[in-house]
Amino acid sequence: MSAVIAFMDDLMFLSRIRAAAAARDVPVVSVRALPDLLAACRQGASLVIVDLDSRLPTSEAMAAVRAEPALAAVPIVGFFSHVHAERAQAARAAGCTRTLPRSAFVRDLDGLIANPPQTT
């Protein structure tokens, strides 16, 4: 079964993601390092969720996922604080499928897990 891969260090948001995914019987794999992200995606990912406000190398991580042909179509959703809106543009340039402010991410989380956005 494909999993939701969470690339973040915010335990509060990870908990929200786990709860939403559990309601749909979707496993969540939490990773904080690029090699772990790629390994988790290779095991099967229906969606990658990235906290764009984290201290993790998010742009490098998204670019690395997009660089692997077998992973290029995996949808990546990034969320950010509304005060850091410039991060959305950088994330899209790095390969993020969709970016959302935190409030919209929380509101849309169940739908994102149920119907991940298509990568173009």
PDB file of N, CA and C in Angstrom:
ATOM      1  N   MET A   1       0.839  -1.182   0.000  1.00  0.00           N
ATOM      2  CA  MET A   1       0.000   0.000   0.000  1.00  0.00           C
ATOM      3  C   MET A   1       0.883   1.244   0.000  1.00  0.00           C
ATOM      4  N   SER A   2       0.505   2.225  -0.755  1.00  0.00           N
ATOM      5  CA  SER A   2       1.235   3.490  -0.801  1.00  0.00           C
ATOM      6  C   SER A   2       1.016   4.263   0.483  1.00  0.00           C
ATOM      7  N   ALA A   3       2.045   4.966   0.883  1.00  0.00           N
ATOM      8  CA  ALA A   3       1.994   5.726   2.124  1.00  0.00           C
ATOM      9  C   ALA A   3       2.062   7.221   1.845  1.00  0.00           C
ATOM     10  N   VAL A   4       1.640   7.989   2.828  1.00  0.00           N
ATOM     11  CA  VAL A   4       1.887   9.419   2.843  1.00  0.00           C
ATOM     12  C   VAL A   4       3.244   9.588   3.506  1.00  0.00           C
ATOM     13  N   ILE A   5       4.141  10.295   2.858  1.00  0.00           N
ATOM     14  CA  ILE A   5       5.470  10.540   3.392  1.00  0.00           C
ATOM     15  C   ILE A   5       5.486  11.972   3.929  1.00  0.00           C
ATOM     16  N   ALA A   6       5.823  12.124   5.203  1.00  0.00           N
ATOM     17  CA  ALA A   6       5.869  13.434   5.837  1.00  0.00           C
ATOM     18  C   ALA A   6       7.324  13.835   6.042  1.00  0.00           C
ATOM     19  N   PHE A   7       7.754  14.887   5.346  1.00  0.00           N
ATOM     20  CA  PHE A   7       9.119  15.406   5.469  1.00  0.00           C
ATOM     21  C   PHE A   7       9.032  16.680   6.297  1.00  0.00           C
ATOM     22  N   MET A   8       9.198  16.518   7.610  1.00  0.00           N
ATOM     23  CA  MET A   8       9.015  17.646   8.520  1.00  0.00           C
ATOM     24  C   MET A   8       9.569  17.323   9.887  1.00  0.00           C
ATOM     25  N   ASP A   9       9.700  18.383  10.691  1.00  0.00           N
ATOM     26  CA  ASP A   9      10.143  18.198  12.067  1.00  0.00           C
ATOM     27  C   ASP A   9       9.147  18.765  13.066  1.00  0.00           C
ATOM     28  N   ASP A  10       7.977  19.166  12.612  1.00  0.00           N
ATOM     29  CA  ASP A  10       6.927  19.713  13.469  1.00  0.00           C
ATOM     30  C   ASP A  10       6.009  18.572  13.908  1.00  0.00           C
ATOM     31  N   LEU A  11       6.111  18.183  15.168  1.00  0.00           N
ATOM     32  CA  LEU A  11       5.345  17.043  15.670  1.00  0.00           C
ATOM     33  C   LEU A  11       3.849  17.315  15.719  1.00  0.00           C
ATOM     34  N   MET A  12       3.454  18.572  15.896  1.00  0.00           N
ATOM     35  CA  MET A  12       2.031  18.893  15.920  1.00  0.00           C
ATOM     36  C   MET A  12       1.389  18.622  14.560  1.00  0.00           C
ATOM     37  N   PHE A  13       2.032  19.080  13.506  1.00  0.00           N
ATOM     38  CA  PHE A  13       1.474  18.836  12.173  1.00  0.00           C
ATOM     39  C   PHE A  13       1.588  17.366  11.792  1.00  0.00           C
ATOM     40  N   LEU A  14       2.652  16.723  12.209  1.00  0.00           N
ATOM     41  CA  LEU A  14       2.779  15.290  11.942  1.00  0.00           C
ATOM     42  C   LEU A  14       1.627  14.540  12.594  1.00  0.00           C
ATOM     43  N   SER A  15       1.255  14.912  13.795  1.00  0.00           N
ATOM     44  CA  SER A  15       0.136  14.289  14.495  1.00  0.00           C
ATOM     45  C   SER A  15      -1.167  14.494  13.731  1.00  0.00           C
ATOM     46  N   ARG A  16      -1.382  15.693  13.202  1.00  0.00           N
ATOM     47  CA  ARG A  16      -2.590  15.966  12.402  1.00  0.00           C
ATOM     48  C   ARG A  16      -2.622  15.110  11.139  1.00  0.00           C
ATOM     49  N   ILE A  17      -1.477  14.990  10.505  1.00  0.00           N
ATOM     50  CA  ILE A  17      -1.393  14.186   9.285  1.00  0.00           C
ATOM     51  C   ILE A  17      -1.670  12.721   9.605  1.00  0.00           C
ATOM     52  N   ARG A  18      -1.065  12.225  10.676  1.00  0.00           N
ATOM     53  CA  ARG A  18      -1.292  10.829  11.076  1.00  0.00           C
ATOM     54  C   ARG A  18      -2.771  10.565  11.359  1.00  0.00           C
ATOM     55  N   ALA A  19      -3.434  11.479  12.046  1.00  0.00           N
ATOM     56  CA  ALA A  19      -4.851  11.303  12.371  1.00  0.00           C
ATOM     57  C   ALA A  19      -5.711  11.287  11.111  1.00  0.00           C
ATOM     58  N   ALA A  20      -5.445  12.214  10.202  1.00  0.00           N
ATOM     59  CA  ALA A  20      -6.228  12.260   8.959  1.00  0.00           C
ATOM     60  C   ALA A  20      -5.989  11.018   8.112  1.00  0.00           C
ATOM     61  N   ALA A  21      -4.756  10.566   8.056  1.00  0.00           N
ATOM     62  CA  ALA A  21      -4.435   9.380   7.264  1.00  0.00           C
ATOM     63  C   ALA A  21      -5.008   8.121   7.907  1.00  0.00           C
ATOM     64  N   ALA A  22      -4.965   8.033   9.220  1.00  0.00           N
ATOM     65  CA  ALA A  22      -5.501   6.858   9.921  1.00  0.00           C
ATOM     66  C   ALA A  22      -6.999   6.709   9.670  1.00  0.00           C
ATOM     67  N   ALA A  23      -7.703   7.819   9.558  1.00  0.00           N
ATOM     68  CA  ALA A  23      -9.139   7.774   9.284  1.00  0.00           C
ATOM     69  C   ALA A  23      -9.427   7.140   7.926  1.00  0.00           C
ATOM     70  N   ARG A  24      -8.436   7.143   7.048  1.00  0.00           N
ATOM     71  CA  ARG A  24      -8.590   6.557   5.708  1.00  0.00           C
ATOM     72  C   ARG A  24      -7.768   5.285   5.545  1.00  0.00           C
ATOM     73  N   ASP A  25      -7.212   4.813   6.646  1.00  0.00           N
ATOM     74  CA  ASP A  25      -6.398   3.591   6.635  1.00  0.00           C
ATOM     75  C   ASP A  25      -5.163   3.728   5.735  1.00  0.00           C
ATOM     76  N   VAL A  26      -4.584   4.896   5.714  1.00  0.00           N
ATOM     77  CA  VAL A  26      -3.398   5.165   4.910  1.00  0.00           C
ATOM     78  C   VAL A  26      -2.206   5.289   5.860  1.00  0.00           C
ATOM     79  N   PRO A  27      -1.142   4.526   5.639  1.00  0.00           N
ATOM     80  CA  PRO A  27       0.026   4.643   6.515  1.00  0.00           C
ATOM     81  C   PRO A  27       0.780   5.947   6.268  1.00  0.00           C
ATOM     82  N   VAL A  28       1.441   6.422   7.317  1.00  0.00           N
ATOM     83  CA  VAL A  28       2.266   7.628   7.240  1.00  0.00           C
ATOM     84  C   VAL A  28       3.681   7.241   7.637  1.00  0.00           C
ATOM     85  N   VAL A  29       4.640   7.685   6.837  1.00  0.00           N
ATOM     86  CA  VAL A  29       6.053   7.492   7.141  1.00  0.00           C
ATOM     87  C   VAL A  29       6.649   8.872   7.361  1.00  0.00           C
ATOM     88  N   SER A  30       7.215   9.088   8.532  1.00  0.00           N
ATOM     89  CA  SER A  30       7.834  10.367   8.860  1.00  0.00           C
ATOM     90  C   SER A  30       9.337  10.266   8.653  1.00  0.00           C
ATOM     91  N   VAL A  31       9.894  11.217   7.904  1.00  0.00           N
ATOM     92  CA  VAL A  31      11.332  11.241   7.639  1.00  0.00           C
ATOM     93  C   VAL A  31      11.857  12.656   7.825  1.00  0.00           C
ATOM     94  N   ARG A  32      13.150  12.737   8.163  1.00  0.00           N
ATOM     95  CA  ARG A  32      13.780  14.044   8.372  1.00  0.00           C
ATOM     96  C   ARG A  32      15.094  14.189   7.613  1.00  0.00           C
ATOM     97  N   ALA A  33      15.448  13.189   6.844  1.00  0.00           N
ATOM     98  CA  ALA A  33      16.707  13.233   6.095  1.00  0.00           C
ATOM     99  C   ALA A  33      16.431  12.872   4.646  1.00  0.00           C
ATOM    100  N   LEU A  34      17.171  13.484   3.752  1.00  0.00           N
ATOM    101  CA  LEU A  34      16.981  13.255   2.324  1.00  0.00           C
ATOM    102  C   LEU A  34      17.100  11.781   1.925  1.00  0.00           C
ATOM    103  N   PRO A  35      18.120  11.041   2.365  1.00  0.00           N
ATOM    104  CA  PRO A  35      18.188   9.625   1.978  1.00  0.00           C
ATOM    105  C   PRO A  35      16.965   8.832   2.448  1.00  0.00           C
ATOM    106  N   ASP A  36      16.454   9.173   3.636  1.00  0.00           N
ATOM    107  CA  ASP A  36      15.268   8.484   4.153  1.00  0.00           C
ATOM    108  C   ASP A  36      14.025   8.840   3.342  1.00  0.00           C
ATOM    109  N   LEU A  37      13.943  10.083   2.903  1.00  0.00           N
ATOM    110  CA  LEU A  37      12.821  10.505   2.063  1.00  0.00           C
ATOM    111  C   LEU A  37      12.804   9.716   0.762  1.00  0.00           C
ATOM    112  N   LEU A  38      13.945   9.652   0.110  1.00  0.00           N
ATOM    113  CA  LEU A  38      14.015   8.923  -1.158  1.00  0.00           C
ATOM    114  C   LEU A  38      13.719   7.447  -0.963  1.00  0.00           C
ATOM    115  N   ALA A  39      14.250   6.847   0.093  1.00  0.00           N
ATOM    116  CA  ALA A  39      13.992   5.425   0.361  1.00  0.00           C
ATOM    117  C   ALA A  39      12.507   5.185   0.607  1.00  0.00           C
ATOM    118  N   ALA A  40      11.868   6.053   1.381  1.00  0.00           N
ATOM    119  CA  ALA A  40      10.436   5.902   1.659  1.00  0.00           C
ATOM    120  C   ALA A  40       9.613   6.050   0.387  1.00  0.00           C
ATOM    121  N   CYS A  41       9.968   7.011  -0.454  1.00  0.00           N
ATOM    122  CA  CYS A  41       9.247   7.203  -1.717  1.00  0.00           C
ATOM    123  C   CYS A  41       9.394   5.984  -2.619  1.00  0.00           C
ATOM    124  N   ARG A  42      10.573   5.406  -2.638  1.00  0.00           N
ATOM    125  CA  ARG A  42      10.812   4.215  -3.479  1.00  0.00           C
ATOM    126  C   ARG A  42       9.979   3.024  -3.020  1.00  0.00           C
ATOM    127  N   GLN A  43       9.628   3.007  -1.734  1.00  0.00           N
ATOM    128  CA  GLN A  43       8.806   1.919  -1.194  1.00  0.00           C
ATOM    129  C   GLN A  43       7.342   2.067  -1.580  1.00  0.00           C
ATOM    130  N   GLY A  44       6.962   3.246  -2.025  1.00  0.00           N
ATOM    131  CA  GLY A  44       5.591   3.504  -2.446  1.00  0.00           C
ATOM    132  C   GLY A  44       5.019   4.705  -1.736  1.00  0.00           C
ATOM    133  N   ALA A  45       4.792   5.760  -2.463  1.00  0.00           N
ATOM    134  CA  ALA A  45       4.249   6.989  -1.890  1.00  0.00           C
ATOM    135  C   ALA A  45       3.055   7.461  -2.698  1.00  0.00           C
ATOM    136  N   SER A  46       1.955   7.704  -2.013  1.00  0.00           N
ATOM    137  CA  SER A  46       0.795   8.287  -2.688  1.00  0.00           C
ATOM    138  C   SER A  46       0.875   9.813  -2.643  1.00  0.00           C
ATOM    139  N   LEU A  47       1.648  10.326  -1.658  1.00  0.00           N
ATOM    140  CA  LEU A  47       1.743  11.764  -1.450  1.00  0.00           C
ATOM    141  C   LEU A  47       2.941  12.041  -0.561  1.00  0.00           C
ATOM    142  N   VAL A  48       3.656  13.114  -0.856  1.00  0.00           N
ATOM    143  CA  VAL A  48       4.711  13.616   0.018  1.00  0.00           C
ATOM    144  C   VAL A  48       4.237  14.973   0.540  1.00  0.00           C
ATOM    145  N   ILE A  49       4.291  15.139   1.864  1.00  0.00           N
ATOM    146  CA  ILE A  49       3.911  16.409   2.480  1.00  0.00           C
ATOM    147  C   ILE A  49       5.166  17.021   3.085  1.00  0.00           C
ATOM    148  N   VAL A  50       5.419  18.283   2.745  1.00  0.00           N
ATOM    149  CA  VAL A  50       6.635  18.977   3.166  1.00  0.00           C
ATOM    150  C   VAL A  50       6.263  20.243   3.933  1.00  0.00           C
ATOM    151  N   ASP A  51       6.836  20.383   5.118  1.00  0.00           N
ATOM    152  CA  ASP A  51       6.686  21.613   5.892  1.00  0.00           C
ATOM    153  C   ASP A  51       7.742  22.590   5.391  1.00  0.00           C
ATOM    154  N   LEU A  52       7.319  23.578   4.640  1.00  0.00           N
ATOM    155  CA  LEU A  52       8.248  24.526   4.031  1.00  0.00           C
ATOM    156  C   LEU A  52       8.867  25.479   5.043  1.00  0.00           C
ATOM    157  N   ASP A  53       8.353  25.495   6.264  1.00  0.00           N
ATOM    158  CA  ASP A  53       8.908  26.337   7.323  1.00  0.00           C
ATOM    159  C   ASP A  53       9.913  25.589   8.197  1.00  0.00           C
ATOM    160  N   SER A  54      10.137  24.331   7.922  1.00  0.00           N
ATOM    161  CA  SER A  54      11.054  23.559   8.756  1.00  0.00           C
ATOM    162  C   SER A  54      12.505  23.936   8.447  1.00  0.00           C
ATOM    163  N   ARG A  55      13.391  23.439   9.276  1.00  0.00           N
ATOM    164  CA  ARG A  55      14.816  23.667   9.062  1.00  0.00           C
ATOM    165  C   ARG A  55      15.427  22.602   8.156  1.00  0.00           C
ATOM    166  N   LEU A  56      14.613  21.693   7.693  1.00  0.00           N
ATOM    167  CA  LEU A  56      15.086  20.628   6.817  1.00  0.00           C
ATOM    168  C   LEU A  56      15.370  21.182   5.423  1.00  0.00           C
ATOM    169  N   PRO A  57      16.188  20.491   4.637  1.00  0.00           N
ATOM    170  CA  PRO A  57      16.511  20.957   3.277  1.00  0.00           C
ATOM    171  C   PRO A  57      15.370  20.658   2.300  1.00  0.00           C
ATOM    172  N   THR A  58      14.297  21.424   2.412  1.00  0.00           N
ATOM    173  CA  THR A  58      13.087  21.114   1.654  1.00  0.00           C
ATOM    174  C   THR A  58      13.251  21.264   0.145  1.00  0.00           C
ATOM    175  N   SER A  59      13.882  22.328  -0.299  1.00  0.00           N
ATOM    176  CA  SER A  59      14.059  22.511  -1.745  1.00  0.00           C
ATOM    177  C   SER A  59      14.907  21.401  -2.340  1.00  0.00           C
ATOM    178  N   GLU A  60      15.978  21.040  -1.651  1.00  0.00           N
ATOM    179  CA  GLU A  60      16.840  19.952  -2.130  1.00  0.00           C
ATOM    180  C   GLU A  60      16.084  18.630  -2.146  1.00  0.00           C
ATOM    181  N   ALA A  61      15.242  18.428  -1.140  1.00  0.00           N
ATOM    182  CA  ALA A  61      14.483  17.183  -1.054  1.00  0.00           C
ATOM    183  C   ALA A  61      13.492  17.063  -2.210  1.00  0.00           C
ATOM    184  N   MET A  62      12.763  18.130  -2.482  1.00  0.00           N
ATOM    185  CA  MET A  62      11.789  18.078  -3.579  1.00  0.00           C
ATOM    186  C   MET A  62      12.492  17.892  -4.915  1.00  0.00           C
ATOM    187  N   ALA A  63      13.598  18.581  -5.120  1.00  0.00           N
ATOM    188  CA  ALA A  63      14.357  18.443  -6.366  1.00  0.00           C
ATOM    189  C   ALA A  63      14.894  17.020  -6.517  1.00  0.00           C
ATOM    190  N   ALA A  64      15.319  16.406  -5.421  1.00  0.00           N
ATOM    191  CA  ALA A  64      15.838  15.035  -5.477  1.00  0.00           C
ATOM    192  C   ALA A  64      14.737  14.041  -5.851  1.00  0.00           C
ATOM    193  N   VAL A  65      13.545  14.241  -5.308  1.00  0.00           N
ATOM    194  CA  VAL A  65      12.415  13.370  -5.675  1.00  0.00           C
ATOM    195  C   VAL A  65      12.112  13.536  -7.156  1.00  0.00           C
ATOM    196  N   ARG A  66      12.059  14.760  -7.623  1.00  0.00           N
ATOM    197  CA  ARG A  66      11.763  15.012  -9.040  1.00  0.00           C
ATOM    198  C   ARG A  66      12.864  14.506  -9.966  1.00  0.00           C
ATOM    199  N   ALA A  67      14.079  14.409  -9.490  1.00  0.00           N
ATOM    200  CA  ALA A  67      15.202  13.977 -10.326  1.00  0.00           C
ATOM    201  C   ALA A  67      15.180  12.481 -10.613  1.00  0.00           C
ATOM    202  N   GLU A  68      14.479  11.715  -9.804  1.00  0.00           N
ATOM    203  CA  GLU A  68      14.399  10.273 -10.037  1.00  0.00           C
ATOM    204  C   GLU A  68      13.203   9.979 -10.927  1.00  0.00           C
ATOM    205  N   PRO A  69      13.430   9.441 -12.115  1.00  0.00           N
ATOM    206  CA  PRO A  69      12.320   9.197 -13.042  1.00  0.00           C
ATOM    207  C   PRO A  69      11.174   8.384 -12.438  1.00  0.00           C
ATOM    208  N   ALA A  70      11.477   7.407 -11.618  1.00  0.00           N
ATOM    209  CA  ALA A  70      10.433   6.572 -11.032  1.00  0.00           C
ATOM    210  C   ALA A  70       9.597   7.320  -9.995  1.00  0.00           C
ATOM    211  N   LEU A  71      10.109   8.439  -9.506  1.00  0.00           N
ATOM    212  CA  LEU A  71       9.405   9.207  -8.477  1.00  0.00           C
ATOM    213  C   LEU A  71       8.855  10.529  -8.990  1.00  0.00           C
ATOM    214  N   ALA A  72       9.148  10.851 -10.221  1.00  0.00           N
ATOM    215  CA  ALA A  72       8.817  12.169 -10.761  1.00  0.00           C
ATOM    216  C   ALA A  72       7.328  12.503 -10.695  1.00  0.00           C
ATOM    217  N   ALA A  73       6.463  11.502 -10.721  1.00  0.00           N
ATOM    218  CA  ALA A  73       5.022  11.757 -10.710  1.00  0.00           C
ATOM    219  C   ALA A  73       4.411  11.752  -9.311  1.00  0.00           C
ATOM    220  N   VAL A  74       5.210  11.505  -8.285  1.00  0.00           N
ATOM    221  CA  VAL A  74       4.683  11.508  -6.919  1.00  0.00           C
ATOM    222  C   VAL A  74       4.261  12.933  -6.562  1.00  0.00           C
ATOM    223  N   PRO A  75       3.018  13.127  -6.152  1.00  0.00           N
ATOM    224  CA  PRO A  75       2.591  14.479  -5.782  1.00  0.00           C
ATOM    225  C   PRO A  75       3.281  14.952  -4.497  1.00  0.00           C
ATOM    226  N   ILE A  76       3.672  16.215  -4.495  1.00  0.00           N
ATOM    227  CA  ILE A  76       4.298  16.831  -3.325  1.00  0.00           C
ATOM    228  C   ILE A  76       3.468  18.058  -2.956  1.00  0.00           C
ATOM    229  N   VAL A  77       3.023  18.087  -1.706  1.00  0.00           N
ATOM    230  CA  VAL A  77       2.281  19.235  -1.186  1.00  0.00           C
ATOM    231  C   VAL A  77       3.134  19.887  -0.113  1.00  0.00           C
ATOM    232  N   GLY A  78       3.334  21.187  -0.239  1.00  0.00           N
ATOM    233  CA  GLY A  78       4.079  21.940   0.755  1.00  0.00           C
ATOM    234  C   GLY A  78       3.173  22.927   1.456  1.00  0.00           C
ATOM    235  N   PHE A  79       3.374  23.074   2.758  1.00  0.00           N
ATOM    236  CA  PHE A  79       2.602  24.074   3.491  1.00  0.00           C
ATOM    237  C   PHE A  79       3.542  25.028   4.211  1.00  0.00           C
ATOM    238  N   PHE A  80       3.054  26.248   4.453  1.00  0.00           N
ATOM    239  CA  PHE A  80       3.907  27.307   4.978  1.00  0.00           C
ATOM    240  C   PHE A  80       3.081  28.299   5.782  1.00  0.00           C
ATOM    241  N   SER A  81       3.758  29.044   6.637  1.00  0.00           N
ATOM    242  CA  SER A  81       3.120  30.132   7.376  1.00  0.00           C
ATOM    243  C   SER A  81       2.818  31.260   6.398  1.00  0.00           C
ATOM    244  N   HIS A  82       1.670  31.874   6.529  1.00  0.00           N
ATOM    245  CA  HIS A  82       1.281  32.940   5.597  1.00  0.00           C
ATOM    246  C   HIS A  82       2.276  34.103   5.580  1.00  0.00           C
ATOM    247  N   VAL A  83       3.060  34.258   6.630  1.00  0.00           N
ATOM    248  CA  VAL A  83       4.053  35.331   6.642  1.00  0.00           C
ATOM    249  C   VAL A  83       5.298  34.989   5.824  1.00  0.00           C
ATOM    250  N   HIS A  84       5.384  33.751   5.373  1.00  0.00           N
ATOM    251  CA  HIS A  84       6.509  33.311   4.541  1.00  0.00           C
ATOM    252  C   HIS A  84       6.023  32.891   3.149  1.00  0.00           C
ATOM    253  N   ALA A  85       5.156  33.662   2.580  1.00  0.00           N
ATOM    254  CA  ALA A  85       4.548  33.329   1.288  1.00  0.00           C
ATOM    255  C   ALA A  85       5.578  33.143   0.181  1.00  0.00           C
ATOM    256  N   GLU A  86       6.739  33.794   0.280  1.00  0.00           N
ATOM    257  CA  GLU A  86       7.770  33.646  -0.753  1.00  0.00           C
ATOM    258  C   GLU A  86       8.266  32.198  -0.847  1.00  0.00           C
ATOM    259  N   ARG A  87       8.094  31.440   0.213  1.00  0.00           N
ATOM    260  CA  ARG A  87       8.528  30.032   0.199  1.00  0.00           C
ATOM    261  C   ARG A  87       7.700  29.195  -0.771  1.00  0.00           C
ATOM    262  N   ALA A  88       6.485  29.614  -1.020  1.00  0.00           N
ATOM    263  CA  ALA A  88       5.625  28.875  -1.954  1.00  0.00           C
ATOM    264  C   ALA A  88       6.210  28.906  -3.360  1.00  0.00           C
ATOM    265  N   GLN A  89       6.667  30.064  -3.794  1.00  0.00           N
ATOM    266  CA  GLN A  89       7.236  30.180  -5.134  1.00  0.00           C
ATOM    267  C   GLN A  89       8.512  29.344  -5.249  1.00  0.00           C
ATOM    268  N   ALA A  90       9.372  29.394  -4.251  1.00  0.00           N
ATOM    269  CA  ALA A  90      10.603  28.596  -4.258  1.00  0.00           C
ATOM    270  C   ALA A  90      10.278  27.104  -4.269  1.00  0.00           C
ATOM    271  N   ALA A  91       9.248  26.723  -3.545  1.00  0.00           N
ATOM    272  CA  ALA A  91       8.859  25.308  -3.503  1.00  0.00           C
ATOM    273  C   ALA A  91       8.354  24.844  -4.863  1.00  0.00           C
ATOM    274  N   ARG A  92       7.552  25.652  -5.507  1.00  0.00           N
ATOM    275  CA  ARG A  92       7.065  25.268  -6.841  1.00  0.00           C
ATOM    276  C   ARG A  92       8.224  25.144  -7.820  1.00  0.00           C
ATOM    277  N   ALA A  93       9.195  26.034  -7.719  1.00  0.00           N
ATOM    278  CA  ALA A  93      10.375  25.962  -8.588  1.00  0.00           C
ATOM    279  C   ALA A  93      11.176  24.691  -8.328  1.00  0.00           C
ATOM    280  N   ALA A  94      11.118  24.176  -7.098  1.00  0.00           N
ATOM    281  CA  ALA A  94      11.856  22.954  -6.735  1.00  0.00           C
ATOM    282  C   ALA A  94      11.083  21.685  -7.068  1.00  0.00           C
ATOM    283  N   GLY A  95       9.834  21.827  -7.505  1.00  0.00           N
ATOM    284  CA  GLY A  95       9.076  20.650  -7.905  1.00  0.00           C
ATOM    285  C   GLY A  95       7.839  20.354  -7.090  1.00  0.00           C
ATOM    286  N   CYS A  96       7.455  21.249  -6.205  1.00  0.00           N
ATOM    287  CA  CYS A  96       6.262  21.045  -5.388  1.00  0.00           C
ATOM    288  C   CYS A  96       5.018  21.129  -6.277  1.00  0.00           C
ATOM    289  N   THR A  97       4.132  20.159  -6.136  1.00  0.00           N
ATOM    290  CA  THR A  97       2.915  20.102  -6.938  1.00  0.00           C
ATOM    291  C   THR A  97       1.924  21.181  -6.533  1.00  0.00           C
ATOM    292  N   ARG A  98       1.790  21.355  -5.215  1.00  0.00           N
ATOM    293  CA  ARG A  98       0.821  22.322  -4.692  1.00  0.00           C
ATOM    294  C   ARG A  98       1.357  22.903  -3.388  1.00  0.00           C
ATOM    295  N   THR A  99       1.158  24.200  -3.189  1.00  0.00           N
ATOM    296  CA  THR A  99       1.556  24.854  -1.947  1.00  0.00           C
ATOM    297  C   THR A  99       0.333  25.486  -1.306  1.00  0.00           C
ATOM    298  N   LEU A 100       0.305  25.423   0.026  1.00  0.00           N
ATOM    299  CA  LEU A 100      -0.827  25.963   0.764  1.00  0.00           C
ATOM    300  C   LEU A 100      -0.364  26.652   2.037  1.00  0.00           C
ATOM    301  N   PRO A 101      -0.998  27.771   2.395  1.00  0.00           N
ATOM    302  CA  PRO A 101      -0.754  28.311   3.731  1.00  0.00           C
ATOM    303  C   PRO A 101      -1.222  27.279   4.771  1.00  0.00           C
ATOM    304  N   ARG A 102      -0.660  27.342   5.951  1.00  0.00           N
ATOM    305  CA  ARG A 102      -0.985  26.358   6.996  1.00  0.00           C
ATOM    306  C   ARG A 102      -2.484  26.213   7.225  1.00  0.00           C
ATOM    307  N   SER A 103      -3.208  27.314   7.286  1.00  0.00           N
ATOM    308  CA  SER A 103      -4.645  27.246   7.564  1.00  0.00           C
ATOM    309  C   SER A 103      -5.385  26.470   6.471  1.00  0.00           C
ATOM    310  N   ALA A 104      -5.040  26.710   5.221  1.00  0.00           N
ATOM    311  CA  ALA A 104      -5.670  25.990   4.111  1.00  0.00           C
ATOM    312  C   ALA A 104      -5.242  24.528   4.109  1.00  0.00           C
ATOM    313  N   PHE A 105      -3.996  24.270   4.463  1.00  0.00           N
ATOM    314  CA  PHE A 105      -3.516  22.893   4.542  1.00  0.00           C
ATOM    315  C   PHE A 105      -4.321  22.106   5.564  1.00  0.00           C
ATOM    316  N   VAL A 106      -4.520  22.671   6.741  1.00  0.00           N
ATOM    317  CA  VAL A 106      -5.295  21.987   7.785  1.00  0.00           C
ATOM    318  C   VAL A 106      -6.722  21.762   7.303  1.00  0.00           C
ATOM    319  N   ARG A 107      -7.308  22.761   6.695  1.00  0.00           N
ATOM    320  CA  ARG A 107      -8.679  22.648   6.196  1.00  0.00           C
ATOM    321  C   ARG A 107      -8.803  21.567   5.125  1.00  0.00           C
ATOM    322  N   ASP A 108      -7.812  21.477   4.228  1.00  0.00           N
ATOM    323  CA  ASP A 108      -7.895  20.576   3.071  1.00  0.00           C
ATOM    324  C   ASP A 108      -7.201  19.230   3.276  1.00  0.00           C
ATOM    325  N   LEU A 109      -6.630  18.990   4.451  1.00  0.00           N
ATOM    326  CA  LEU A 109      -5.797  17.806   4.660  1.00  0.00           C
ATOM    327  C   LEU A 109      -6.504  16.502   4.315  1.00  0.00           C
ATOM    328  N   ASP A 110      -7.717  16.317   4.782  1.00  0.00           N
ATOM    329  CA  ASP A 110      -8.426  15.072   4.497  1.00  0.00           C
ATOM    330  C   ASP A 110      -8.592  14.860   2.992  1.00  0.00           C
ATOM    331  N   GLY A 111      -8.948  15.907   2.287  1.00  0.00           N
ATOM    332  CA  GLY A 111      -9.110  15.809   0.837  1.00  0.00           C
ATOM    333  C   GLY A 111      -7.804  15.553   0.117  1.00  0.00           C
ATOM    334  N   LEU A 112      -6.714  16.111   0.614  1.00  0.00           N
ATOM    335  CA  LEU A 112      -5.404  15.876  -0.001  1.00  0.00           C
ATOM    336  C   LEU A 112      -4.993  14.415   0.137  1.00  0.00           C
ATOM    337  N   ILE A 113      -5.294  13.841   1.280  1.00  0.00           N
ATOM    338  CA  ILE A 113      -4.952  12.426   1.489  1.00  0.00           C
ATOM    339  C   ILE A 113      -5.859  11.535   0.649  1.00  0.00           C
ATOM    340  N   ALA A 114      -7.145  11.884   0.589  1.00  0.00           N
ATOM    341  CA  ALA A 114      -8.089  11.087  -0.189  1.00  0.00           C
ATOM    342  C   ALA A 114      -7.848  11.189  -1.686  1.00  0.00           C
ATOM    343  N   ASN A 115      -7.496  12.382  -2.150  1.00  0.00           N
ATOM    344  CA  ASN A 115      -7.299  12.647  -3.581  1.00  0.00           C
ATOM    345  C   ASN A 115      -6.077  13.514  -3.764  1.00  0.00           C
ATOM    346  N   PRO A 116      -4.881  12.921  -3.723  1.00  0.00           N
ATOM    347  CA  PRO A 116      -3.666  13.730  -3.907  1.00  0.00           C
ATOM    348  C   PRO A 116      -3.693  14.463  -5.242  1.00  0.00           C
ATOM    349  N   PRO A 117      -3.150  15.680  -5.267  1.00  0.00           N
ATOM    350  CA  PRO A 117      -3.135  16.438  -6.521  1.00  0.00           C
ATOM    351  C   PRO A 117      -2.283  15.733  -7.579  1.00  0.00           C
ATOM    352  N   GLN A 118      -2.653  15.919  -8.814  1.00  0.00           N
ATOM    353  CA  GLN A 118      -1.913  15.331  -9.922  1.00  0.00           C
ATOM    354  C   GLN A 118      -0.665  16.150 -10.203  1.00  0.00           C
ATOM    355  N   THR A 119       0.415  15.454 -10.467  1.00  0.00           N
ATOM    356  CA  THR A 119       1.654  16.118 -10.870  1.00  0.00           C
ATOM    357  C   THR A 119       1.634  16.277 -12.365  1.00  0.00           C
ATOM    358  N   THR A 120       1.949  17.476 -12.831  1.00  0.00           N
ATOM    359  CA  THR A 120       1.938  17.701 -14.282  1.00  0.00           C
ATOM    360  C   THR A 120       3.339  17.666 -14.839  1.00  0.00           C
TER     361      THR A 120
END
